[in-house]
Amino acid sequence: MTTDVGPTPSDTAALDALKRIKAAEADWDERLRTARHASNEALERRRVDADATVKAVAAEAEAERSRSVEKARAAAEAEARTIVAEGEASARDAGSDKGKRPKDMEERVLDAVLGPLAPD
């Protein structure tokens, strides 16, 4: 004769404990999955924001470079005009007694230096 014995109270308690552990594991797996998903989304948003910031800063740097080049070009052109004007004035004055260099004023210098030495 065999008698089938059903689960004992200790078996039921152990089975309930395993079910609770399994449910806790499933709950934590879901929490981890949700947290991982949220952090990946946040990371992607930050990547997009960083890329946009880099592009904006690069565009601003290019604009600043262009402004600096244009400013330098204008200054160089103004300086070149001044140099050319001075050169043209010196060229005009070279043929007269108004020149800036001693060679241009040779007669005046000689008269001033040798004037008192000249015999009367």
C-alpha atoms as a PDB file:
ATOM      1  CA  MET A   1       0.000   0.000   0.000  1.00  0.00           C
ATOM      2  CA  THR A   2       1.150   3.292  -0.979  1.00  0.00           C
ATOM      3  CA  THR A   3      -0.154   6.471   0.211  1.00  0.00           C
ATOM      4  CA  ASP A   4       0.444   9.684  -1.561  1.00  0.00           C
ATOM      5  CA  VAL A   5       1.418  12.393   0.734  1.00  0.00           C
ATOM      6  CA  GLY A   6       0.717  15.977  -0.310  1.00  0.00           C
ATOM      7  CA  PRO A   7       3.092  18.851   0.235  1.00  0.00           C
ATOM      8  CA  THR A   8       4.006  19.515   3.760  1.00  0.00           C
ATOM      9  CA  PRO A   9       3.788  22.970   5.282  1.00  0.00           C
ATOM     10  CA  SER A  10       7.575  23.371   5.130  1.00  0.00           C
ATOM     11  CA  ASP A  11       7.537  22.528   1.402  1.00  0.00           C
ATOM     12  CA  THR A  12       4.859  25.145   0.810  1.00  0.00           C
ATOM     13  CA  ALA A  13       6.858  27.766   2.742  1.00  0.00           C
ATOM     14  CA  ALA A  14      10.006  27.005   0.743  1.00  0.00           C
ATOM     15  CA  LEU A  15       8.052  27.206  -2.511  1.00  0.00           C
ATOM     16  CA  ASP A  16       6.525  30.543  -1.478  1.00  0.00           C
ATOM     17  CA  ALA A  17       9.989  31.865  -0.589  1.00  0.00           C
ATOM     18  CA  LEU A  18      11.308  30.855  -4.016  1.00  0.00           C
ATOM     19  CA  LYS A  19       8.352  32.528  -5.698  1.00  0.00           C
ATOM     20  CA  ARG A  20       9.022  35.740  -3.741  1.00  0.00           C
ATOM     21  CA  ILE A  21      12.714  35.610  -4.683  1.00  0.00           C
ATOM     22  CA  LYS A  22      11.832  35.060  -8.330  1.00  0.00           C
ATOM     23  CA  ALA A  23       9.355  37.965  -8.223  1.00  0.00           C
ATOM     24  CA  ALA A  24      11.988  40.213  -6.597  1.00  0.00           C
ATOM     25  CA  GLU A  25      14.527  39.252  -9.266  1.00  0.00           C
ATOM     26  CA  ALA A  26      12.018  40.009 -12.019  1.00  0.00           C
ATOM     27  CA  ASP A  27      11.191  43.344 -10.358  1.00  0.00           C
ATOM     28  CA  TRP A  28      14.865  44.318 -10.105  1.00  0.00           C
ATOM     29  CA  ASP A  29      15.543  43.198 -13.672  1.00  0.00           C
ATOM     30  CA  GLU A  30      12.734  45.487 -14.828  1.00  0.00           C
ATOM     31  CA  ARG A  31      14.057  48.358 -12.702  1.00  0.00           C
ATOM     32  CA  LEU A  32      17.566  47.873 -14.114  1.00  0.00           C
ATOM     33  CA  ARG A  33      16.227  47.695 -17.666  1.00  0.00           C
ATOM     34  CA  THR A  34      14.242  50.916 -17.094  1.00  0.00           C
ATOM     35  CA  ALA A  35      17.222  52.701 -15.520  1.00  0.00           C
ATOM     36  CA  ARG A  36      19.531  51.554 -18.321  1.00  0.00           C
ATOM     37  CA  HIS A  37      17.050  52.764 -20.924  1.00  0.00           C
ATOM     38  CA  ALA A  38      16.681  56.150 -19.172  1.00  0.00           C
ATOM     39  CA  SER A  39      20.450  56.612 -18.878  1.00  0.00           C
ATOM     40  CA  ASN A  40      20.964  55.694 -22.554  1.00  0.00           C
ATOM     41  CA  GLU A  41      18.326  58.239 -23.562  1.00  0.00           C
ATOM     42  CA  ALA A  42      19.917  60.913 -21.359  1.00  0.00           C
ATOM     43  CA  LEU A  43      23.336  60.107 -22.780  1.00  0.00           C
ATOM     44  CA  GLU A  44      22.026  60.383 -26.343  1.00  0.00           C
ATOM     45  CA  ARG A  45      20.381  63.747 -25.543  1.00  0.00           C
ATOM     46  CA  ARG A  46      23.662  64.995 -24.136  1.00  0.00           C
ATOM     47  CA  ARG A  47      25.526  63.797 -27.246  1.00  0.00           C
ATOM     48  CA  VAL A  48      23.081  65.647 -29.475  1.00  0.00           C
ATOM     49  CA  ASP A  49      23.360  68.774 -27.295  1.00  0.00           C
ATOM     50  CA  ALA A  50      27.157  68.567 -27.334  1.00  0.00           C
ATOM     51  CA  ASP A  51      27.233  68.165 -31.120  1.00  0.00           C
ATOM     52  CA  ALA A  52      24.941  71.168 -31.532  1.00  0.00           C
ATOM     53  CA  THR A  53      27.091  73.217 -29.160  1.00  0.00           C
ATOM     54  CA  VAL A  54      30.277  72.279 -31.000  1.00  0.00           C
ATOM     55  CA  LYS A  55      28.712  73.223 -34.334  1.00  0.00           C
ATOM     56  CA  ALA A  56      27.477  76.554 -32.946  1.00  0.00           C
ATOM     57  CA  VAL A  57      30.865  77.368 -31.439  1.00  0.00           C
ATOM     58  CA  ALA A  58      32.630  76.392 -34.670  1.00  0.00           C
ATOM     59  CA  ALA A  59      30.314  78.655 -36.671  1.00  0.00           C
ATOM     60  CA  GLU A  60      30.914  81.536 -34.251  1.00  0.00           C
ATOM     61  CA  ALA A  61      34.683  80.962 -34.400  1.00  0.00           C
ATOM     62  CA  GLU A  62      34.560  81.007 -38.201  1.00  0.00           C
ATOM     63  CA  ALA A  63      32.564  84.240 -38.141  1.00  0.00           C
ATOM     64  CA  GLU A  64      35.049  85.785 -35.694  1.00  0.00           C
ATOM     65  CA  ARG A  65      37.939  84.652 -37.884  1.00  0.00           C
ATOM     66  CA  SER A  66      36.292  86.252 -40.906  1.00  0.00           C
ATOM     67  CA  ARG A  67      35.756  89.500 -38.983  1.00  0.00           C
ATOM     68  CA  SER A  68      39.384  89.489 -37.836  1.00  0.00           C
ATOM     69  CA  VAL A  69      40.666  88.842 -41.347  1.00  0.00           C
ATOM     70  CA  GLU A  70      38.469  91.613 -42.742  1.00  0.00           C
ATOM     71  CA  LYS A  71      39.636  94.024 -40.030  1.00  0.00           C
ATOM     72  CA  ALA A  72      43.284  93.147 -40.704  1.00  0.00           C
ATOM     73  CA  ARG A  73      42.724  93.534 -44.442  1.00  0.00           C
ATOM     74  CA  ALA A  74      41.195  96.989 -43.953  1.00  0.00           C
ATOM     75  CA  ALA A  75      44.083  98.047 -41.691  1.00  0.00           C
ATOM     76  CA  ALA A  76      46.644  96.758 -44.196  1.00  0.00           C
ATOM     77  CA  GLU A  77      44.914  98.586 -47.050  1.00  0.00           C
ATOM     78  CA  ALA A  78      44.838 101.833 -45.032  1.00  0.00           C
ATOM     79  CA  GLU A  79      48.523 101.456 -44.206  1.00  0.00           C
ATOM     80  CA  ALA A  80      49.317 100.702 -47.844  1.00  0.00           C
ATOM     81  CA  ARG A  81      47.416 103.835 -48.957  1.00  0.00           C
ATOM     82  CA  THR A  82      49.373 105.903 -46.419  1.00  0.00           C
ATOM     83  CA  ILE A  83      52.685 104.456 -47.602  1.00  0.00           C
ATOM     84  CA  VAL A  84      51.815 105.052 -51.252  1.00  0.00           C
ATOM     85  CA  ALA A  85      50.720 108.621 -50.496  1.00  0.00           C
ATOM     86  CA  GLU A  86      53.959 109.303 -48.609  1.00  0.00           C
ATOM     87  CA  GLY A  87      55.950 107.763 -51.462  1.00  0.00           C
ATOM     88  CA  GLU A  88      54.144 109.887 -54.049  1.00  0.00           C
ATOM     89  CA  ALA A  89      54.721 113.016 -51.956  1.00  0.00           C
ATOM     90  CA  SER A  90      58.401 112.149 -51.558  1.00  0.00           C
ATOM     91  CA  ALA A  91      58.678 111.530 -55.291  1.00  0.00           C
ATOM     92  CA  ARG A  92      57.108 114.929 -56.037  1.00  0.00           C
ATOM     93  CA  ASP A  93      59.306 116.633 -53.471  1.00  0.00           C
ATOM     94  CA  ALA A  94      62.469 114.929 -54.726  1.00  0.00           C
ATOM     95  CA  GLY A  95      62.495 117.218 -57.739  1.00  0.00           C
ATOM     96  CA  SER A  96      62.052 120.347 -55.613  1.00  0.00           C
ATOM     97  CA  ASP A  97      63.710 121.771 -52.524  1.00  0.00           C
ATOM     98  CA  LYS A  98      60.945 120.504 -50.198  1.00  0.00           C
ATOM     99  CA  GLY A  99      62.196 116.929 -49.840  1.00  0.00           C
ATOM    100  CA  LYS A 100      62.646 115.248 -46.481  1.00  0.00           C
ATOM    101  CA  ARG A 101      66.080 113.791 -47.116  1.00  0.00           C
ATOM    102  CA  PRO A 102      69.322 115.804 -46.920  1.00  0.00           C
ATOM    103  CA  LYS A 103      70.012 114.973 -50.577  1.00  0.00           C
ATOM    104  CA  ASP A 104      66.775 116.724 -51.499  1.00  0.00           C
ATOM    105  CA  MET A 105      67.858 119.819 -49.600  1.00  0.00           C
ATOM    106  CA  GLU A 106      71.472 119.786 -50.691  1.00  0.00           C
ATOM    107  CA  GLU A 107      71.604 123.396 -51.811  1.00  0.00           C
ATOM    108  CA  ARG A 108      69.993 124.710 -48.645  1.00  0.00           C
ATOM    109  CA  VAL A 109      72.270 122.628 -46.448  1.00  0.00           C
ATOM    110  CA  LEU A 110      75.372 123.769 -48.312  1.00  0.00           C
ATOM    111  CA  ASP A 111      74.259 127.407 -48.149  1.00  0.00           C
ATOM    112  CA  ALA A 112      73.554 127.114 -44.435  1.00  0.00           C
ATOM    113  CA  VAL A 113      76.822 125.365 -43.658  1.00  0.00           C
ATOM    114  CA  LEU A 114      79.184 127.087 -46.085  1.00  0.00           C
ATOM    115  CA  GLY A 115      77.401 130.440 -46.143  1.00  0.00           C
ATOM    116  CA  PRO A 116      79.430 132.022 -43.345  1.00  0.00           C
ATOM    117  CA  LEU A 117      82.644 130.704 -44.884  1.00  0.00           C
ATOM    118  CA  ALA A 118      82.011 132.090 -48.339  1.00  0.00           C
ATOM    119  CA  PRO A 119      84.253 135.055 -49.257  1.00  0.00           C
ATOM    120  CA  ASP A 120      82.469 138.328 -49.663  1.00  0.00           C
END
